[in-house]
Protein backbone atom coordinates (compact mmCIF):
# COMPACT_ATOMS: atom_id res chain seq x y z
CA MET A 1 89.47 88.67 82.88
CA PRO A 2 90.57 86.41 85.61
CA ASP A 3 88.96 86.54 89.47
CA PHE A 4 91.53 88.13 91.59
CA SER A 5 91.30 87.86 95.49
CA VAL A 6 94.10 89.19 97.89
CA LEU A 7 92.78 86.24 100.24
CA ALA A 8 93.96 83.63 97.82
CA ALA A 9 97.76 82.59 98.53
CA THR A 10 98.83 82.80 94.97
CA CYS A 11 96.95 85.73 93.72
CA PRO A 12 99.36 88.33 92.36
CA SER A 13 97.09 91.31 94.10
CA ARG A 14 98.63 90.39 97.16
CA THR A 15 102.01 91.96 96.03
CA SER A 16 100.04 95.26 95.04
CA LEU A 17 98.24 95.23 98.40
CA ALA A 18 101.59 94.69 100.15
CA ARG A 19 103.21 97.83 98.40
CA ILE A 20 100.15 100.08 99.07
CA ALA A 21 99.96 98.90 102.69
CA ASN A 22 103.48 99.94 103.33
CA LYS A 23 103.99 102.96 105.26
CA TRP A 24 106.22 104.84 103.19
CA THR A 25 104.20 104.30 99.98
CA ALA A 26 101.13 105.92 101.66
CA MET A 27 103.31 108.91 102.56
CA VAL A 28 105.02 109.23 99.28
CA VAL A 29 101.48 109.01 97.39
CA SER A 30 100.22 111.49 99.81
CA VAL A 31 102.82 114.11 99.45
CA LEU A 32 102.94 113.64 95.48
CA GLY A 33 99.13 113.65 95.46
CA ASN A 34 99.16 116.85 97.44
CA ASN A 35 102.08 118.66 95.77
CA GLY A 36 102.42 117.36 92.14
CA LEU A 37 105.90 116.99 90.74
CA MET A 38 108.60 117.15 93.13
CA ARG A 39 112.31 116.78 93.28
CA PHE A 40 113.98 113.77 95.17
CA GLY A 41 115.21 116.07 97.78
CA ASP A 42 111.96 118.02 98.38
CA LEU A 43 110.32 114.52 98.79
CA ARG A 44 113.12 113.56 101.58
CA THR A 45 112.56 116.67 103.38
CA ARG A 46 108.85 116.30 103.50
CA LEU A 47 109.26 112.75 104.56
CA ASP A 48 110.83 113.24 107.82
CA GLY A 49 112.44 110.27 108.92
CA ILE A 50 112.99 108.64 105.53
CA SER A 51 116.45 107.49 104.38
CA GLY A 52 117.58 108.17 101.06
CA LYS A 53 118.11 104.40 100.22
CA VAL A 54 114.30 103.83 101.52
CA LEU A 55 112.85 106.67 99.63
CA THR A 56 114.83 105.43 96.22
CA GLU A 57 113.59 101.92 96.88
CA THR A 58 109.93 103.04 97.25
CA LEU A 59 109.91 105.37 94.44
CA ARG A 60 111.43 102.49 92.32
CA ASP A 61 108.82 100.12 93.41
CA LEU A 62 106.25 102.86 92.80
CA GLU A 63 107.47 103.41 89.28
CA ARG A 64 107.64 99.68 88.54
CA ASP A 65 103.96 99.13 89.43
CA GLY A 66 102.92 102.36 87.40
CA LEU A 67 101.96 104.77 90.07
CA VAL A 68 104.80 107.35 89.70
CA THR A 69 106.63 108.80 86.81
CA ARG A 70 110.18 109.78 87.14
CA HIS A 71 111.42 112.63 84.79
CA VAL A 72 115.20 113.13 84.08
CA HIS A 73 116.04 116.43 82.92
CA ALA A 74 119.02 116.68 80.64
CA GLU A 75 120.95 119.37 82.83
CA ILE A 76 124.15 119.55 84.45
CA PRO A 77 123.71 118.49 87.22
CA PRO A 78 120.73 116.27 86.20
CA ARG A 79 117.36 117.19 87.67
CA VAL A 80 115.15 114.34 88.49
CA GLU A 81 111.23 114.59 89.30
CA TYR A 82 108.68 112.62 90.56
CA GLU A 83 104.96 112.68 89.94
CA LEU A 84 101.77 110.37 90.57
CA THR A 85 100.49 108.69 87.27
CA PRO A 86 96.79 108.65 86.48
CA LEU A 87 96.93 105.27 88.21
CA GLY A 88 98.67 106.63 91.36
CA PHE A 89 96.06 109.36 91.52
CA THR A 90 93.49 106.66 92.20
CA LEU A 91 95.25 105.73 95.35
CA HIS A 92 95.71 109.34 96.65
CA ALA A 93 92.38 109.74 98.37
CA PRO A 94 92.24 106.17 99.92
CA LEU A 95 95.83 106.64 101.35
CA LEU A 96 95.35 110.25 102.29
CA ALA A 97 92.29 108.81 104.40
CA LEU A 98 94.37 106.32 106.04
CA CYS A 99 96.99 108.95 107.09
CA THR A 100 94.19 111.41 108.33
CA TRP A 101 92.66 108.42 110.29
CA ALA A 102 96.29 107.76 111.77
CA GLU A 103 96.68 111.56 112.79
CA GLU A 104 92.90 111.76 114.42
CA HIS A 105 92.93 108.53 116.24
CA ILE A 106 96.51 108.44 117.53
CA THR A 107 95.21 109.68 120.95
CA GLU A 108 92.98 106.71 121.30
CA VAL A 109 95.60 104.24 119.74
CA LEU A 110 97.80 105.67 122.38
CA ALA A 111 95.91 105.22 125.32
CA SER A 112 94.76 101.66 124.41
CA ARG A 113 98.28 100.70 124.07
CA GLU A 114 98.94 101.96 127.66
CA ARG A 115 96.05 100.19 129.17
CA TYR A 116 97.10 97.00 127.28
CA ASP A 117 100.47 97.49 128.74
CA VAL A 118 99.49 98.04 132.10
CA ARG A 119 97.34 94.93 132.15
CA ASN A 120 99.72 92.79 130.37
CA GLY A 121 102.94 94.14 131.95
């Protein structure tokens, strides 16, 4: 197996890290990890502020990377559901930890921003 390093400019792991670092990826993985199988509309409702286009692109990227599975049910109208793959579940805890950190420390971050802006006004 080759040595991979996200610090190397040509390493393919960089694209994976970029995908994982995307804010919508973190939120989609968090929601699917907590809720299991979900329809597109339910995901969009849970992810306040995401456009349908961005959610579609995010889900396609996650499916391409093997993190999400798309289930199409032969019904009229067609029913499509998404869920994390076993590989996707390996990301759930780390990304959930990042989301939790952001919620727990936003007060400190906002205060730091305010102090910075006053100093550098």
